[in-house]
C-alpha atoms as a PDB file:
ATOM      1  CA  MET A   1      58.231  31.470 -13.642  1.00  0.00           C
ATOM      2  CA  SER A   2      57.534  34.204 -16.215  1.00  0.00           C
ATOM      3  CA  TYR A   3      55.955  37.479 -14.548  1.00  0.00           C
ATOM      4  CA  ARG A   4      55.340  41.005 -16.095  1.00  0.00           C
ATOM      5  CA  LYS A   5      58.457  43.298 -14.919  1.00  0.00           C
ATOM      6  CA  LEU A   6      56.000  46.385 -15.145  1.00  0.00           C
ATOM      7  CA  GLY A   7      58.577  48.706 -15.954  1.00  0.00           C
ATOM      8  CA  ARG A   8      60.355  48.278 -12.470  1.00  0.00           C
ATOM      9  CA  ASN A   9      62.946  47.326 -10.919  1.00  0.00           C
ATOM     10  CA  SER A  10      62.484  44.669  -8.038  1.00  0.00           C
ATOM     11  CA  GLY A  11      62.674  46.736  -5.335  1.00  0.00           C
ATOM     12  CA  ALA A  12      59.742  49.078  -6.623  1.00  0.00           C
ATOM     13  CA  ARG A  13      57.656  45.901  -8.153  1.00  0.00           C
ATOM     14  CA  LYS A  14      57.784  44.387  -4.990  1.00  0.00           C
ATOM     15  CA  ALA A  15      56.857  47.771  -3.006  1.00  0.00           C
ATOM     16  CA  MET A  16      53.885  48.106  -5.614  1.00  0.00           C
ATOM     17  CA  PHE A  17      52.309  45.058  -4.825  1.00  0.00           C
ATOM     18  CA  LYS A  18      52.678  45.370  -1.335  1.00  0.00           C
ATOM     19  CA  SER A  19      50.572  48.451  -1.723  1.00  0.00           C
ATOM     20  CA  LEU A  20      48.447  47.172  -4.049  1.00  0.00           C
ATOM     21  CA  LEU A  21      47.470  44.397  -2.167  1.00  0.00           C
ATOM     22  CA  SER A  22      46.721  46.426   1.071  1.00  0.00           C
ATOM     23  CA  ALA A  23      44.652  48.744  -0.960  1.00  0.00           C
ATOM     24  CA  PHE A  24      43.262  45.668  -2.393  1.00  0.00           C
ATOM     25  CA  PHE A  25      41.846  44.220   0.730  1.00  0.00           C
ATOM     26  CA  GLN A  26      41.284  46.992   2.335  1.00  0.00           C
ATOM     27  CA  TYR A  27      38.851  48.322  -0.023  1.00  0.00           C
ATOM     28  CA  GLU A  28      37.601  44.685  -1.875  1.00  0.00           C
ATOM     29  CA  ARG A  29      38.110  46.505  -5.104  1.00  0.00           C
ATOM     30  CA  ILE A  30      40.304  48.692  -6.744  1.00  0.00           C
ATOM     31  CA  GLU A  31      40.745  50.016 -10.477  1.00  0.00           C
ATOM     32  CA  THR A  32      44.105  49.810 -11.978  1.00  0.00           C
ATOM     33  CA  THR A  33      45.746  48.805 -15.269  1.00  0.00           C
ATOM     34  CA  GLU A  34      44.853  44.989 -16.795  1.00  0.00           C
ATOM     35  CA  ALA A  35      48.571  44.219 -16.409  1.00  0.00           C
ATOM     36  CA  ARG A  36      49.003  45.456 -12.998  1.00  0.00           C
ATOM     37  CA  ALA A  37      45.511  43.578 -11.593  1.00  0.00           C
ATOM     38  CA  LYS A  38      46.683  40.288 -13.272  1.00  0.00           C
ATOM     39  CA  GLU A  39      49.830  39.947 -11.563  1.00  0.00           C
ATOM     40  CA  LEU A  40      47.949  41.545  -8.638  1.00  0.00           C
ATOM     41  CA  ARG A  41      45.851  38.613  -8.570  1.00  0.00           C
ATOM     42  CA  LYS A  42      47.992  35.590  -8.186  1.00  0.00           C
ATOM     43  CA  PHE A  43      49.373  37.312  -5.165  1.00  0.00           C
ATOM     44  CA  ALA A  44      45.652  38.128  -3.916  1.00  0.00           C
ATOM     45  CA  GLU A  45      45.067  34.635  -4.570  1.00  0.00           C
ATOM     46  CA  LYS A  46      48.213  33.287  -2.466  1.00  0.00           C
ATOM     47  CA  VAL A  47      47.000  35.607   0.728  1.00  0.00           C
ATOM     48  CA  ILE A  48      43.850  34.428   1.013  1.00  0.00           C
ATOM     49  CA  THR A  49      44.928  30.979   0.623  1.00  0.00           C
ATOM     50  CA  LEU A  50      47.299  31.582   3.121  1.00  0.00           C
ATOM     51  CA  ALA A  51      44.105  33.303   5.417  1.00  0.00           C
ATOM     52  CA  LYS A  52      42.336  29.883   5.231  1.00  0.00           C
ATOM     53  CA  ARG A  53      44.697  27.904   6.370  1.00  0.00           C
ATOM     54  CA  GLY A  54      45.177  30.534   9.232  1.00  0.00           C
ATOM     55  CA  ASP A  55      47.906  29.335  11.337  1.00  0.00           C
ATOM     56  CA  LEU A  56      50.851  31.160  12.558  1.00  0.00           C
ATOM     57  CA  SER A  57      52.957  30.704  10.061  1.00  0.00           C
ATOM     58  CA  ALA A  58      50.636  31.411   7.919  1.00  0.00           C
ATOM     59  CA  ARG A  59      50.075  34.628   8.927  1.00  0.00           C
ATOM     60  CA  ARG A  60      54.081  36.097   8.752  1.00  0.00           C
ATOM     61  CA  GLN A  61      53.827  35.025   5.440  1.00  0.00           C
ATOM     62  CA  ALA A  62      51.016  37.361   4.543  1.00  0.00           C
ATOM     63  CA  ILE A  63      52.418  40.038   6.574  1.00  0.00           C
ATOM     64  CA  ASN A  64      55.783  39.637   4.529  1.00  0.00           C
ATOM     65  CA  LEU A  65      53.210  40.046   1.187  1.00  0.00           C
ATOM     66  CA  VAL A  66      51.041  42.906   2.680  1.00  0.00           C
ATOM     67  CA  ALA A  67      52.180  45.971   3.638  1.00  0.00           C
ATOM     68  CA  ASP A  68      49.889  46.423   6.327  1.00  0.00           C
ATOM     69  CA  VAL A  69      48.592  44.420   9.670  1.00  0.00           C
ATOM     70  CA  ASP A  70      45.967  45.868  10.017  1.00  0.00           C
ATOM     71  CA  VAL A  71      44.639  44.760   6.765  1.00  0.00           C
ATOM     72  CA  VAL A  72      45.812  41.456   7.186  1.00  0.00           C
ATOM     73  CA  HIS A  73      44.159  40.929  10.757  1.00  0.00           C
ATOM     74  CA  LYS A  74      40.973  41.879   8.631  1.00  0.00           C
ATOM     75  CA  VAL A  75      41.665  39.407   6.213  1.00  0.00           C
ATOM     76  CA  PHE A  76      42.384  36.301   8.170  1.00  0.00           C
ATOM     77  CA  GLU A  77      39.035  36.934  10.064  1.00  0.00           C
ATOM     78  CA  GLU A  78      36.934  37.727   7.380  1.00  0.00           C
ATOM     79  CA  ILE A  79      38.029  36.180   4.124  1.00  0.00           C
ATOM     80  CA  PRO A  80      37.721  32.019   5.913  1.00  0.00           C
ATOM     81  CA  GLY A  81      34.086  32.472   6.558  1.00  0.00           C
ATOM     82  CA  LYS A  82      33.634  33.403   3.198  1.00  0.00           C
ATOM     83  CA  TYR A  83      35.365  31.651   0.779  1.00  0.00           C
ATOM     84  CA  GLY A  84      35.682  28.331   3.423  1.00  0.00           C
ATOM     85  CA  ASP A  85      34.098  25.926   0.962  1.00  0.00           C
ATOM     86  CA  ARG A  86      35.654  27.875  -2.512  1.00  0.00           C
ATOM     87  CA  ALA A  87      38.854  25.920  -3.761  1.00  0.00           C
ATOM     88  CA  GLY A  88      40.569  29.026  -5.440  1.00  0.00           C
ATOM     89  CA  GLY A  89      39.020  31.479  -8.169  1.00  0.00           C
ATOM     90  CA  TYR A  90      38.668  34.921  -5.198  1.00  0.00           C
ATOM     91  CA  THR A  91      39.236  37.613  -7.460  1.00  0.00           C
ATOM     92  CA  ARG A  92      37.438  39.126 -10.724  1.00  0.00           C
ATOM     93  CA  ILE A  93      38.482  41.067 -13.416  1.00  0.00           C
ATOM     94  CA  LEU A  94      35.766  43.234 -15.232  1.00  0.00           C
ATOM     95  CA  LYS A  95      37.472  45.419 -17.854  1.00  0.00           C
ATOM     96  CA  LEU A  96      36.501  49.403 -18.252  1.00  0.00           C
ATOM     97  CA  ALA A  97      37.136  52.339 -20.329  1.00  0.00           C
ATOM     98  CA  PRO A  98      40.554  52.835 -20.953  1.00  0.00           C
ATOM     99  CA  ARG A  99      42.609  55.667 -18.847  1.00  0.00           C
ATOM    100  CA  ARG A 100      42.397  58.968 -20.730  1.00  0.00           C
ATOM    101  CA  GLY A 101      45.625  60.389 -21.011  1.00  0.00           C
ATOM    102  CA  ASP A 102      47.812  57.130 -22.303  1.00  0.00           C
ATOM    103  CA  ALA A 103      44.476  55.145 -23.565  1.00  0.00           C
ATOM    104  CA  ALA A 104      46.242  52.030 -21.124  1.00  0.00           C
ATOM    105  CA  PRO A 105      43.482  49.729 -20.681  1.00  0.00           C
ATOM    106  CA  MET A 106      41.784  49.532 -17.372  1.00  0.00           C
ATOM    107  CA  VAL A 107      40.317  46.943 -14.896  1.00  0.00           C
ATOM    108  CA  LEU A 108      38.600  46.792 -11.955  1.00  0.00           C
ATOM    109  CA  ILE A 109      39.618  43.483  -9.998  1.00  0.00           C
ATOM    110  CA  GLU A 110      37.173  42.490  -7.073  1.00  0.00           C
ATOM    111  CA  LEU A 111      36.543  39.681  -5.134  1.00  0.00           C
ATOM    112  CA  VAL A 112      34.240  37.087  -5.765  1.00  0.00           C
END
């Protein structure tokens, strides 16, 4: 399995994705760099699939991936109703203008 390291060690990378995931599900859209969004999409799709499953084991796995328990509760209450009939592809990535400071490619990742 290949993945982007994003210039961080594994602990910092896991912490970054936990906080990004909780912000993503809290606001249902976030603005971030393209590389982060492409990696975040994998985790977001997994959490939504767990929410559709909806059992206790799935909830515990989602809590392990997302930093905030309240956000996990929100996901498990709202998401299965929205995406019950959808087989995958729950997120959308829209390109934005490059970041002003370092010209990093910026995107908006949102729930479909």
